């Protein structure tokens, strides 16, 4: 199955191969993030998760981490969430 993601009328979309997907998804790059491996992206993670929290109970939600090195602090995924990490993405944790 190929999932084409375009969330909330944003202009960009990304295609990912998926075995199972939730009803709602959001790509971190649509929330100001980039996987440059240089600066913390906690704001992009938090914004995407906050956005999806509004609709997660209606069919589930999936924040998508695209390719790159993503520096972030801790974040919380609650019920009805699955974190999708692209095979070429790395999440590096640090203290905020």
PDB file of N, CA and C in Angstrom:
ATOM      1  N   UNK A   1       0.848  -1.165   0.000  1.00  0.00           N
ATOM      2  CA  UNK A   1       0.000   0.000   0.000  1.00  0.00           C
ATOM      3  C   UNK A   1       0.895   1.230   0.000  1.00  0.00           C
ATOM      4  N   UNK A   2       0.576   2.197  -0.818  1.00  0.00           N
ATOM      5  CA  UNK A   2       1.285   3.476  -0.807  1.00  0.00           C
ATOM      6  C   UNK A   2       0.370   4.501  -0.165  1.00  0.00           C
ATOM      7  N   UNK A   3       0.899   5.191   0.820  1.00  0.00           N
ATOM      8  CA  UNK A   3       0.143   6.222   1.519  1.00  0.00           C
ATOM      9  C   UNK A   3       0.651   7.566   1.031  1.00  0.00           C
ATOM     10  N   UNK A   4      -0.238   8.380   0.530  1.00  0.00           N
ATOM     11  CA  UNK A   4       0.120   9.746   0.132  1.00  0.00           C
ATOM     12  C   UNK A   4      -0.408  10.662   1.218  1.00  0.00           C
ATOM     13  N   UNK A   5       0.479  11.392   1.850  1.00  0.00           N
ATOM     14  CA  UNK A   5       0.127  12.208   2.999  1.00  0.00           C
ATOM     15  C   UNK A   5       0.037  13.667   2.593  1.00  0.00           C
ATOM     16  N   UNK A   6      -1.105  14.266   2.814  1.00  0.00           N
ATOM     17  CA  UNK A   6      -1.290  15.709   2.673  1.00  0.00           C
ATOM     18  C   UNK A   6      -2.265  16.090   3.770  1.00  0.00           C
ATOM     19  N   UNK A   7      -1.805  16.787   4.764  1.00  0.00           N
ATOM     20  CA  UNK A   7      -2.601  17.024   5.959  1.00  0.00           C
ATOM     21  C   UNK A   7      -3.004  18.487   6.065  1.00  0.00           C
ATOM     22  N   UNK A   8      -4.229  18.742   6.368  1.00  0.00           N
ATOM     23  CA  UNK A   8      -4.746  20.073   6.692  1.00  0.00           C
ATOM     24  C   UNK A   8      -4.488  21.108   5.606  1.00  0.00           C
ATOM     25  N   UNK A   9      -4.640  20.724   4.386  1.00  0.00           N
ATOM     26  CA  UNK A   9      -4.523  21.670   3.297  1.00  0.00           C
ATOM     27  C   UNK A   9      -3.121  22.200   3.052  1.00  0.00           C
ATOM     28  N   UNK A  10      -2.136  21.558   3.606  1.00  0.00           N
ATOM     29  CA  UNK A  10      -0.762  22.010   3.378  1.00  0.00           C
ATOM     30  C   UNK A  10      -0.356  21.635   1.958  1.00  0.00           C
ATOM     31  N   UNK A  11       0.477  22.440   1.367  1.00  0.00           N
ATOM     32  CA  UNK A  11       0.824  22.263  -0.041  1.00  0.00           C
ATOM     33  C   UNK A  11       1.662  21.023  -0.307  1.00  0.00           C
ATOM     34  N   UNK A  12       2.544  20.665   0.606  1.00  0.00           N
ATOM     35  CA  UNK A  12       3.442  19.548   0.325  1.00  0.00           C
ATOM     36  C   UNK A  12       2.823  18.224   0.743  1.00  0.00           C
ATOM     37  N   UNK A  13       3.255  17.174   0.086  1.00  0.00           N
ATOM     38  CA  UNK A  13       2.826  15.831   0.455  1.00  0.00           C
ATOM     39  C   UNK A  13       4.000  14.890   0.256  1.00  0.00           C
ATOM     40  N   UNK A  14       3.955  13.758   0.922  1.00  0.00           N
ATOM     41  CA  UNK A  14       5.030  12.781   0.870  1.00  0.00           C
ATOM     42  C   UNK A  14       4.403  11.417   0.695  1.00  0.00           C
ATOM     43  N   UNK A  15       5.029  10.553  -0.105  1.00  0.00           N
ATOM     44  CA  UNK A  15       4.529   9.195  -0.265  1.00  0.00           C
ATOM     45  C   UNK A  15       5.397   8.237   0.532  1.00  0.00           C
ATOM     46  N   UNK A  16       4.756   7.306   1.252  1.00  0.00           N
ATOM     47  CA  UNK A  16       5.451   6.293   2.030  1.00  0.00           C
ATOM     48  C   UNK A  16       4.799   4.952   1.787  1.00  0.00           C
ATOM     49  N   UNK A  17       5.607   3.905   1.736  1.00  0.00           N
ATOM     50  CA  UNK A  17       5.058   2.559   1.708  1.00  0.00           C
ATOM     51  C   UNK A  17       4.609   2.228   3.121  1.00  0.00           C
ATOM     52  N   UNK A  18       3.438   1.646   3.244  1.00  0.00           N
ATOM     53  CA  UNK A  18       2.928   1.323   4.576  1.00  0.00           C
ATOM     54  C   UNK A  18       2.176   0.009   4.549  1.00  0.00           C
ATOM     55  N   UNK A  19       2.326  -0.761   5.608  1.00  0.00           N
ATOM     56  CA  UNK A  19       1.561  -1.993   5.759  1.00  0.00           C
ATOM     57  C   UNK A  19       0.206  -1.653   6.370  1.00  0.00           C
ATOM     58  N   UNK A  20       0.216  -0.789   7.338  1.00  0.00           N
ATOM     59  CA  UNK A  20      -0.997  -0.378   8.025  1.00  0.00           C
ATOM     60  C   UNK A  20      -0.868   1.113   8.306  1.00  0.00           C
ATOM     61  N   UNK A  21      -1.930   1.839   8.146  1.00  0.00           N
ATOM     62  CA  UNK A  21      -1.836   3.261   8.434  1.00  0.00           C
ATOM     63  C   UNK A  21      -3.070   3.714   9.207  1.00  0.00           C
ATOM     64  N   UNK A  22      -2.897   4.797   9.911  1.00  0.00           N
ATOM     65  CA  UNK A  22      -3.986   5.393  10.659  1.00  0.00           C
ATOM     66  C   UNK A  22      -4.732   6.369   9.760  1.00  0.00           C
ATOM     67  N   UNK A  23      -5.864   6.801  10.243  1.00  0.00           N
ATOM     68  CA  UNK A  23      -6.701   7.730   9.477  1.00  0.00           C
ATOM     69  C   UNK A  23      -6.045   9.105   9.317  1.00  0.00           C
ATOM     70  N   UNK A  24      -5.299   9.539  10.323  1.00  0.00           N
ATOM     71  CA  UNK A  24      -4.705  10.882  10.315  1.00  0.00           C
ATOM     72  C   UNK A  24      -3.183  10.774  10.410  1.00  0.00           C
ATOM     73  N   UNK A  25      -2.492  11.603   9.664  1.00  0.00           N
ATOM     74  CA  UNK A  25      -1.032  11.599   9.716  1.00  0.00           C
ATOM     75  C   UNK A  25      -0.506  13.014   9.497  1.00  0.00           C
ATOM     76  N   UNK A  26       0.738  13.228   9.918  1.00  0.00           N
ATOM     77  CA  UNK A  26       1.373  14.533   9.753  1.00  0.00           C
ATOM     78  C   UNK A  26       2.875  14.333   9.619  1.00  0.00           C
ATOM     79  N   UNK A  27       3.461  14.962   8.622  1.00  0.00           N
ATOM     80  CA  UNK A  27       4.900  14.891   8.381  1.00  0.00           C
ATOM     81  C   UNK A  27       5.570  16.054   9.121  1.00  0.00           C
ATOM     82  N   UNK A  28       6.647  15.768   9.843  1.00  0.00           N
ATOM     83  CA  UNK A  28       7.308  16.799  10.646  1.00  0.00           C
ATOM     84  C   UNK A  28       7.755  18.011   9.835  1.00  0.00           C
ATOM     85  N   UNK A  29       8.102  17.810   8.577  1.00  0.00           N
ATOM     86  CA  UNK A  29       8.529  18.945   7.752  1.00  0.00           C
ATOM     87  C   UNK A  29       7.404  19.945   7.524  1.00  0.00           C
ATOM     88  N   UNK A  30       6.165  19.504   7.668  1.00  0.00           N
ATOM     89  CA  UNK A  30       5.029  20.420   7.534  1.00  0.00           C
ATOM     90  C   UNK A  30       4.807  21.250   8.794  1.00  0.00           C
ATOM     91  N   UNK A  31       5.598  20.980   9.828  1.00  0.00           N
ATOM     92  CA  UNK A  31       5.461  21.706  11.086  1.00  0.00           C
ATOM     93  C   UNK A  31       6.770  22.406  11.454  1.00  0.00           C
ATOM     94  N   UNK A  32       7.524  22.792  10.438  1.00  0.00           N
ATOM     95  CA  UNK A  32       8.730  23.585  10.642  1.00  0.00           C
ATOM     96  C   UNK A  32       9.998  22.793  10.912  1.00  0.00           C
ATOM     97  N   UNK A  33       9.945  21.491  10.809  1.00  0.00           N
ATOM     98  CA  UNK A  33      11.129  20.686  11.093  1.00  0.00           C
ATOM     99  C   UNK A  33      11.929  20.348   9.851  1.00  0.00           C
ATOM    100  N   UNK A  34      13.189  20.054  10.055  1.00  0.00           N
ATOM    101  CA  UNK A  34      14.027  19.477   9.003  1.00  0.00           C
ATOM    102  C   UNK A  34      15.055  18.580   9.684  1.00  0.00           C
ATOM    103  N   UNK A  35      15.453  17.561   8.998  1.00  0.00           N
ATOM    104  CA  UNK A  35      16.380  16.595   9.572  1.00  0.00           C
ATOM    105  C   UNK A  35      17.823  16.950   9.306  1.00  0.00           C
ATOM    106  N   UNK A  36      18.226  18.161   9.685  1.00  0.00           N
ATOM    107  CA  UNK A  36      19.586  18.616   9.405  1.00  0.00           C
ATOM    108  C   UNK A  36      20.610  18.099  10.409  1.00  0.00           C
ATOM    109  N   UNK A  37      20.153  17.561  11.530  1.00  0.00           N
ATOM    110  CA  UNK A  37      21.066  17.032  12.536  1.00  0.00           C
ATOM    111  C   UNK A  37      21.825  18.088  13.305  1.00  0.00           C
ATOM    112  N   UNK A  38      21.419  19.352  13.185  1.00  0.00           N
ATOM    113  CA  UNK A  38      22.163  20.443  13.813  1.00  0.00           C
ATOM    114  C   UNK A  38      21.409  21.137  14.942  1.00  0.00           C
ATOM    115  N   UNK A  39      20.119  21.334  14.768  1.00  0.00           N
ATOM    116  CA  UNK A  39      19.342  22.069  15.770  1.00  0.00           C
ATOM    117  C   UNK A  39      18.214  21.201  16.300  1.00  0.00           C
ATOM    118  N   UNK A  40      17.820  21.455  17.546  1.00  0.00           N
ATOM    119  CA  UNK A  40      16.716  20.721  18.167  1.00  0.00           C
ATOM    120  C   UNK A  40      15.424  20.987  17.407  1.00  0.00           C
ATOM    121  N   UNK A  41      14.644  19.937  17.207  1.00  0.00           N
ATOM    122  CA  UNK A  41      13.375  20.033  16.481  1.00  0.00           C
ATOM    123  C   UNK A  41      12.189  19.686  17.373  1.00  0.00           C
ATOM    124  N   UNK A  42      12.326  19.899  18.670  1.00  0.00           N
ATOM    125  CA  UNK A  42      11.245  19.559  19.599  1.00  0.00           C
ATOM    126  C   UNK A  42       9.970  20.307  19.245  1.00  0.00           C
ATOM    127  N   UNK A  43      10.089  21.527  18.738  1.00  0.00           N
ATOM    128  CA  UNK A  43       8.902  22.308  18.379  1.00  0.00           C
ATOM    129  C   UNK A  43       8.125  21.634  17.244  1.00  0.00           C
ATOM    130  N   UNK A  44       8.821  21.097  16.247  1.00  0.00           N
ATOM    131  CA  UNK A  44       8.153  20.396  15.138  1.00  0.00           C
ATOM    132  C   UNK A  44       7.468  19.129  15.641  1.00  0.00           C
ATOM    133  N   UNK A  45       8.158  18.359  16.492  1.00  0.00           N
ATOM    134  CA  UNK A  45       7.551  17.153  17.064  1.00  0.00           C
ATOM    135  C   UNK A  45       6.306  17.530  17.861  1.00  0.00           C
ATOM    136  N   UNK A  46       6.443  18.527  18.745  1.00  0.00           N
ATOM    137  CA  UNK A  46       5.318  18.924  19.600  1.00  0.00           C
ATOM    138  C   UNK A  46       4.152  19.460  18.773  1.00  0.00           C
ATOM    139  N   UNK A  47       4.427  20.289  17.780  1.00  0.00           N
ATOM    140  CA  UNK A  47       3.355  20.850  16.951  1.00  0.00           C
ATOM    141  C   UNK A  47       2.605  19.765  16.187  1.00  0.00           C
ATOM    142  N   UNK A  48       3.330  18.823  15.608  1.00  0.00           N
ATOM    143  CA  UNK A  48       2.686  17.725  14.870  1.00  0.00           C
ATOM    144  C   UNK A  48       1.846  16.862  15.808  1.00  0.00           C
ATOM    145  N   UNK A  49       2.395  16.539  16.978  1.00  0.00           N
ATOM    146  CA  UNK A  49       1.670  15.704  17.939  1.00  0.00           C
ATOM    147  C   UNK A  49       0.453  16.440  18.484  1.00  0.00           C
ATOM    148  N   UNK A  50       0.602  17.723  18.814  1.00  0.00           N
ATOM    149  CA  UNK A  50      -0.545  18.509  19.294  1.00  0.00           C
ATOM    150  C   UNK A  50      -1.646  18.557  18.241  1.00  0.00           C
ATOM    151  N   UNK A  51      -1.255  18.775  16.998  1.00  0.00           N
ATOM    152  CA  UNK A  51      -2.228  18.813  15.900  1.00  0.00           C
ATOM    153  C   UNK A  51      -2.967  17.476  15.794  1.00  0.00           C
ATOM    154  N   UNK A  52      -2.221  16.380  15.814  1.00  0.00           N
ATOM    155  CA  UNK A  52      -2.832  15.054  15.674  1.00  0.00           C
ATOM    156  C   UNK A  52      -3.645  14.650  16.897  1.00  0.00           C
ATOM    157  N   UNK A  53      -3.316  15.190  18.060  1.00  0.00           N
ATOM    158  CA  UNK A  53      -4.060  14.860  19.281  1.00  0.00           C
ATOM    159  C   UNK A  53      -5.530  15.232  19.168  1.00  0.00           C
ATOM    160  N   UNK A  54      -5.815  16.248  18.362  1.00  0.00           N
ATOM    161  CA  UNK A  54      -7.197  16.690  18.186  1.00  0.00           C
ATOM    162  C   UNK A  54      -8.049  15.661  17.454  1.00  0.00           C
ATOM    163  N   UNK A  55      -7.423  14.776  16.684  1.00  0.00           N
ATOM    164  CA  UNK A  55      -8.205  13.834  15.883  1.00  0.00           C
ATOM    165  C   UNK A  55      -7.783  12.375  16.076  1.00  0.00           C
ATOM    166  N   UNK A  56      -6.849  12.093  16.965  1.00  0.00           N
ATOM    167  CA  UNK A  56      -6.318  10.735  17.130  1.00  0.00           C
ATOM    168  C   UNK A  56      -7.383   9.722  17.515  1.00  0.00           C
ATOM    169  N   UNK A  57      -8.357  10.127  18.311  1.00  0.00           N
ATOM    170  CA  UNK A  57      -9.387   9.176  18.740  1.00  0.00           C
ATOM    171  C   UNK A  57     -10.349   8.824  17.607  1.00  0.00           C
ATOM    172  N   UNK A  58     -10.280   9.551  16.507  1.00  0.00           N
ATOM    173  CA  UNK A  58     -11.111   9.281  15.333  1.00  0.00           C
ATOM    174  C   UNK A  58     -10.296   8.532  14.278  1.00  0.00           C
ATOM    175  N   UNK A  59      -9.955   7.299  14.552  1.00  0.00           N
ATOM    176  CA  UNK A  59      -9.255   6.478  13.568  1.00  0.00           C
ATOM    177  C   UNK A  59      -7.752   6.406  13.715  1.00  0.00           C
ATOM    178  N   UNK A  60      -7.199   7.000  14.756  1.00  0.00           N
ATOM    179  CA  UNK A  60      -5.768   6.913  15.000  1.00  0.00           C
ATOM    180  C   UNK A  60      -4.972   7.996  14.305  1.00  0.00           C
ATOM    181  N   UNK A  61      -3.723   8.150  14.742  1.00  0.00           N
ATOM    182  CA  UNK A  61      -2.867   9.203  14.206  1.00  0.00           C
ATOM    183  C   UNK A  61      -1.427   8.716  14.110  1.00  0.00           C
ATOM    184  N   UNK A  62      -0.721   9.277  13.154  1.00  0.00           N
ATOM    185  CA  UNK A  62       0.640   8.840  12.880  1.00  0.00           C
ATOM    186  C   UNK A  62       1.537  10.026  12.536  1.00  0.00           C
ATOM    187  N   UNK A  63       2.374  10.478  13.482  1.00  0.00           N
ATOM    188  CA  UNK A  63       3.385  11.458  13.124  1.00  0.00           C
ATOM    189  C   UNK A  63       4.463  10.756  12.295  1.00  0.00           C
ATOM    190  N   UNK A  64       4.881  11.377  11.200  1.00  0.00           N
ATOM    191  CA  UNK A  64       5.842  10.761  10.283  1.00  0.00           C
ATOM    192  C   UNK A  64       7.169  11.512  10.356  1.00  0.00           C
ATOM    193  N   UNK A  65       8.231  10.756  10.642  1.00  0.00           N
ATOM    194  CA  UNK A  65       9.579  11.311  10.687  1.00  0.00           C
ATOM    195  C   UNK A  65      10.260  10.974   9.357  1.00  0.00           C
ATOM    196  N   UNK A  66      10.450  11.974   8.482  1.00  0.00           N
ATOM    197  CA  UNK A  66      11.065  11.727   7.179  1.00  0.00           C
ATOM    198  C   UNK A  66      12.581  11.500   7.299  1.00  0.00           C
ATOM    199  N   UNK A  67      13.236  11.180   6.186  1.00  0.00           N
ATOM    200  CA  UNK A  67      14.682  10.955   6.218  1.00  0.00           C
ATOM    201  C   UNK A  67      15.448  12.142   6.795  1.00  0.00           C
ATOM    202  N   UNK A  68      16.531  11.846   7.492  1.00  0.00           N
ATOM    203  CA  UNK A  68      17.392  12.869   8.069  1.00  0.00           C
ATOM    204  C   UNK A  68      17.750  12.519   9.493  1.00  0.00           C
ATOM    205  N   UNK A  69      18.521  13.404  10.130  1.00  0.00           N
ATOM    206  CA  UNK A  69      18.873  13.259  11.542  1.00  0.00           C
ATOM    207  C   UNK A  69      18.064  14.285  12.315  1.00  0.00           C
ATOM    208  N   UNK A  70      17.215  13.791  13.205  1.00  0.00           N
ATOM    209  CA  UNK A  70      16.276  14.629  13.939  1.00  0.00           C
ATOM    210  C   UNK A  70      16.701  14.725  15.399  1.00  0.00           C
ATOM    211  N   UNK A  71      17.106  15.910  15.840  1.00  0.00           N
ATOM    212  CA  UNK A  71      17.468  16.144  17.233  1.00  0.00           C
ATOM    213  C   UNK A  71      16.228  16.613  17.978  1.00  0.00           C
ATOM    214  N   UNK A  72      15.915  15.954  19.082  1.00  0.00           N
ATOM    215  CA  UNK A  72      14.728  16.338  19.842  1.00  0.00           C
ATOM    216  C   UNK A  72      14.902  15.986  21.309  1.00  0.00           C
ATOM    217  N   UNK A  73      14.103  16.608  22.130  1.00  0.00           N
ATOM    218  CA  UNK A  73      14.005  16.222  23.526  1.00  0.00           C
ATOM    219  C   UNK A  73      12.904  15.183  23.647  1.00  0.00           C
ATOM    220  N   UNK A  74      12.466  14.943  24.863  1.00  0.00           N
ATOM    221  CA  UNK A  74      11.416  13.942  25.062  1.00  0.00           C
ATOM    222  C   UNK A  74      10.074  14.462  24.558  1.00  0.00           C
ATOM    223  N   UNK A  75       9.234  13.529  24.115  1.00  0.00           N
ATOM    224  CA  UNK A  75       7.873  13.849  23.707  1.00  0.00           C
ATOM    225  C   UNK A  75       7.004  12.656  24.049  1.00  0.00           C
ATOM    226  N   UNK A  76       5.706  12.875  24.140  1.00  0.00           N
ATOM    227  CA  UNK A  76       4.784  11.840  24.580  1.00  0.00           C
ATOM    228  C   UNK A  76       3.752  11.536  23.501  1.00  0.00           C
ATOM    229  N   UNK A  77       3.630  10.267  23.161  1.00  0.00           N
ATOM    230  CA  UNK A  77       2.560   9.812  22.274  1.00  0.00           C
ATOM    231  C   UNK A  77       1.538   9.098  23.144  1.00  0.00           C
ATOM    232  N   UNK A  78       0.315   9.547  23.108  1.00  0.00           N
ATOM    233  CA  UNK A  78      -0.727   8.935  23.922  1.00  0.00           C
ATOM    234  C   UNK A  78      -1.480   7.885  23.113  1.00  0.00           C
ATOM    235  N   UNK A  79      -2.624   7.483  23.587  1.00  0.00           N
ATOM    236  CA  UNK A  79      -3.423   6.450  22.919  1.00  0.00           C
ATOM    237  C   UNK A  79      -3.733   6.815  21.478  1.00  0.00           C
ATOM    238  N   UNK A  80      -3.839   5.805  20.650  1.00  0.00           N
ATOM    239  CA  UNK A  80      -4.218   5.933  19.238  1.00  0.00           C
ATOM    240  C   UNK A  80      -3.115   6.543  18.375  1.00  0.00           C
ATOM    241  N   UNK A  81      -1.867   6.499  18.826  1.00  0.00           N
ATOM    242  CA  UNK A  81      -0.737   7.029  18.068  1.00  0.00           C
ATOM    243  C   UNK A  81       0.232   5.913  17.697  1.00  0.00           C
ATOM    244  N   UNK A  82       0.825   6.021  16.516  1.00  0.00           N
ATOM    245  CA  UNK A  82       1.960   5.200  16.112  1.00  0.00           C
ATOM    246  C   UNK A  82       2.977   6.140  15.490  1.00  0.00           C
ATOM    247  N   UNK A  83       4.209   6.072  15.945  1.00  0.00           N
ATOM    248  CA  UNK A  83       5.266   6.906  15.382  1.00  0.00           C
ATOM    249  C   UNK A  83       5.866   6.180  14.186  1.00  0.00           C
ATOM    250  N   UNK A  84       5.808   6.804  13.004  1.00  0.00           N
ATOM    251  CA  UNK A  84       6.401   6.230  11.800  1.00  0.00           C
ATOM    252  C   UNK A  84       7.758   6.888  11.592  1.00  0.00           C
ATOM    253  N   UNK A  85       8.809   6.080  11.601  1.00  0.00           N
ATOM    254  CA  UNK A  85      10.164   6.575  11.373  1.00  0.00           C
ATOM    255  C   UNK A  85      10.660   5.983  10.054  1.00  0.00           C
ATOM    256  N   UNK A  86      10.895   6.842   9.070  1.00  0.00           N
ATOM    257  CA  UNK A  86      11.389   6.405   7.764  1.00  0.00           C
ATOM    258  C   UNK A  86      12.697   5.640   7.954  1.00  0.00           C
ATOM    259  N   UNK A  87      12.964   4.682   7.074  1.00  0.00           N
ATOM    260  CA  UNK A  87      14.165   3.850   7.202  1.00  0.00           C
ATOM    261  C   UNK A  87      15.453   4.667   7.139  1.00  0.00           C
ATOM    262  N   UNK A  88      15.422   5.843   6.554  1.00  0.00           N
ATOM    263  CA  UNK A  88      16.601   6.705   6.470  1.00  0.00           C
ATOM    264  C   UNK A  88      16.547   7.863   7.464  1.00  0.00           C
ATOM    265  N   UNK A  89      15.739   7.719   8.504  1.00  0.00           N
ATOM    266  CA  UNK A  89      15.633   8.743   9.547  1.00  0.00           C
ATOM    267  C   UNK A  89      16.274   8.232  10.832  1.00  0.00           C
ATOM    268  N   UNK A  90      16.877   9.148  11.564  1.00  0.00           N
ATOM    269  CA  UNK A  90      17.463   8.839  12.863  1.00  0.00           C
ATOM    270  C   UNK A  90      16.950   9.886  13.840  1.00  0.00           C
ATOM    271  N   UNK A  91      16.433   9.433  14.981  1.00  0.00           N
ATOM    272  CA  UNK A  91      16.004  10.355  16.032  1.00  0.00           C
ATOM    273  C   UNK A  91      17.078  10.346  17.110  1.00  0.00           C
ATOM    274  N   UNK A  92      17.638  11.511  17.383  1.00  0.00           N
ATOM    275  CA  UNK A  92      18.669  11.658  18.402  1.00  0.00           C
ATOM    276  C   UNK A  92      18.090  12.447  19.561  1.00  0.00           C
ATOM    277  N   UNK A  93      18.081  11.859  20.738  1.00  0.00           N
ATOM    278  CA  UNK A  93      17.516  12.511  21.912  1.00  0.00           C
ATOM    279  C   UNK A  93      18.555  13.332  22.648  1.00  0.00           C
ATOM    280  N   UNK A  94      18.087  14.377  23.272  1.00  0.00           N
ATOM    281  CA  UNK A  94      18.967  15.226  24.059  1.00  0.00           C
ATOM    282  C   UNK A  94      18.161  15.981  25.090  1.00  0.00           C
ATOM    283  N   UNK A  95      18.851  16.677  25.959  1.00  0.00           N
ATOM    284  CA  UNK A  95      18.169  17.488  26.960  1.00  0.00           C
ATOM    285  C   UNK A  95      17.851  18.847  26.368  1.00  0.00           C
ATOM    286  N   UNK A  96      16.662  19.320  26.689  1.00  0.00           N
ATOM    287  CA  UNK A  96      16.219  20.610  26.166  1.00  0.00           C
ATOM    288  C   UNK A  96      16.613  21.702  27.122  1.00  0.00           C
TER     289      UNK A  96
END
